[in-house]
Amino acid sequence: MRTKDNVIKEFEFVDAGRKFFCSVETPKQAGMPPWWWFRLETGESTRYAPFEASEKDTKQSVQSRIIAYYENLLAIAARPAYQRPAWKKPERPAQPGDPIPATPLGPTTSV
């Protein structure tokens, strides 16, 4: 939908079976620029604000940027989670003169 100043304010489109609802919103704080927001028709209430709105935006340019942004989100979510090793206190380097710790011996059997 275009307003009287000929700038796109909202639209919807379907890509890869997903329906996107896009709109421009101006933050309530004075002096902040408007941003593009979008959500998907999934029943979830999650919305995303990927970039600032511009007077030069067209439906096609916004649509391609939103698709690229969402595809990147999906790629990030598909990555395996990095498992950090458990933290442990760093070992103190052995000093000259320190006794060598005894290594435990396994069970011995005599024949």
Protein backbone atom coordinates (compact mmCIF):
# COMPACT_ATOMS: atom_id res chain seq x y z
CA MET A 1 0.00 0.00 0.00
CA ARG A 2 1.42 3.40 -0.95
CA THR A 3 0.59 6.57 0.91
CA LYS A 4 0.01 10.00 -0.60
CA ASP A 5 3.76 10.70 -0.47
CA ASN A 6 4.25 7.61 -2.70
CA VAL A 7 6.30 5.61 -0.17
CA ILE A 8 5.44 1.97 0.51
CA LYS A 9 4.21 1.50 4.10
CA GLU A 10 3.03 -2.11 4.22
CA PHE A 11 2.53 -5.18 2.07
CA GLU A 12 2.53 -8.95 2.23
CA PHE A 13 4.03 -11.64 0.04
CA VAL A 14 4.57 -15.39 -0.14
CA ASP A 15 8.00 -16.98 -0.57
CA ALA A 16 8.78 -20.71 -0.40
CA GLY A 17 5.32 -21.37 1.07
CA ARG A 18 5.80 -18.82 3.85
CA LYS A 19 3.58 -15.74 4.05
CA PHE A 20 5.34 -12.56 5.19
CA PHE A 21 3.55 -9.46 6.53
CA CYS A 22 5.72 -6.33 6.24
CA SER A 23 5.16 -2.82 7.55
CA VAL A 24 7.06 0.37 8.32
CA GLU A 25 6.85 1.62 11.89
CA THR A 26 8.30 4.71 13.47
CA PRO A 27 9.61 4.23 17.02
CA LYS A 28 7.87 6.23 19.75
CA GLN A 29 11.13 7.91 20.73
CA ALA A 30 11.49 11.29 19.04
CA GLY A 31 14.07 11.56 16.28
CA MET A 32 14.40 7.85 15.55
CA PRO A 33 14.02 6.77 11.92
CA PRO A 34 11.31 4.35 10.77
CA TRP A 35 12.17 0.65 10.42
CA TRP A 36 10.80 -2.20 8.36
CA TRP A 37 9.16 -4.87 10.49
CA PHE A 38 7.96 -8.27 9.38
CA ARG A 39 6.32 -11.35 10.80
CA LEU A 40 5.34 -14.67 9.34
CA GLU A 41 1.93 -16.27 9.22
CA THR A 42 2.83 -19.04 11.66
CA GLY A 43 0.66 -18.27 14.65
CA GLU A 44 3.70 -16.99 16.55
CA SER A 45 3.87 -13.37 17.61
CA THR A 46 7.60 -12.98 16.83
CA ARG A 47 8.38 -9.92 14.76
CA TYR A 48 11.67 -8.83 13.23
CA ALA A 49 13.01 -5.36 12.40
CA PRO A 50 15.89 -6.05 10.02
CA PHE A 51 16.63 -2.61 8.57
CA GLU A 52 15.74 1.09 8.37
CA ALA A 53 13.06 2.22 5.97
CA SER A 54 14.06 4.48 3.10
CA GLU A 55 12.14 6.67 0.70
CA LYS A 56 13.78 4.70 -2.12
CA ASP A 57 12.39 1.35 -0.93
CA THR A 58 10.33 -0.61 -3.42
CA LYS A 59 8.28 -3.70 -2.75
CA GLN A 60 10.84 -5.80 -4.63
CA SER A 61 13.88 -4.35 -2.82
CA VAL A 62 12.31 -4.77 0.62
CA GLN A 63 11.07 -8.25 -0.23
CA SER A 64 14.51 -9.44 -1.36
CA ARG A 65 16.19 -7.96 1.73
CA ILE A 66 13.63 -9.58 4.06
CA ILE A 67 14.01 -12.97 2.36
CA ALA A 68 17.81 -12.76 2.62
CA TYR A 69 17.56 -11.73 6.29
CA TYR A 70 15.15 -14.56 7.13
CA GLU A 71 17.19 -17.16 5.24
CA ASN A 72 20.22 -16.08 7.27
CA LEU A 73 18.23 -16.48 10.50
CA LEU A 74 17.26 -20.01 9.45
CA ALA A 75 20.89 -20.86 8.61
CA ILE A 76 22.04 -19.63 12.02
CA ALA A 77 19.33 -21.63 13.79
CA ALA A 78 20.32 -24.78 11.86
CA ARG A 79 23.95 -24.65 13.00
CA PRO A 80 24.89 -27.03 15.77
CA ALA A 81 25.34 -25.36 19.12
CA TYR A 82 28.94 -24.84 20.17
CA GLN A 83 29.58 -26.77 23.38
CA ARG A 84 32.17 -25.06 25.50
CA PRO A 85 34.38 -27.32 27.55
CA ALA A 86 33.72 -27.22 31.28
CA TRP A 87 35.71 -24.52 33.02
CA LYS A 88 38.42 -25.65 35.39
CA LYS A 89 41.08 -23.82 37.30
CA PRO A 90 44.30 -23.61 35.27
CA GLU A 91 46.98 -25.98 36.49
CA ARG A 92 50.03 -24.42 38.08
CA PRO A 93 53.22 -25.21 36.18
CA ALA A 94 55.62 -27.43 38.13
CA GLN A 95 58.43 -25.52 39.82
CA PRO A 96 61.94 -26.94 40.19
CA GLY A 97 62.15 -28.76 43.49
CA ASP A 98 58.44 -29.62 43.65
CA PRO A 99 57.77 -33.30 44.35
CA ILE A 100 56.52 -35.29 41.39
CA PRO A 101 52.97 -36.45 42.05
CA ALA A 102 52.61 -40.19 42.38
CA THR A 103 50.61 -41.88 39.70
CA PRO A 104 48.13 -44.39 41.00
CA LEU A 105 48.96 -47.93 40.01
CA GLY A 106 46.32 -50.31 38.86
CA PRO A 107 45.65 -53.61 40.60
CA THR A 108 48.63 -55.91 40.43
CA THR A 109 48.43 -59.61 40.11
CA SER A 110 51.19 -62.01 40.84
CA VAL A 111 51.57 -65.26 39.09
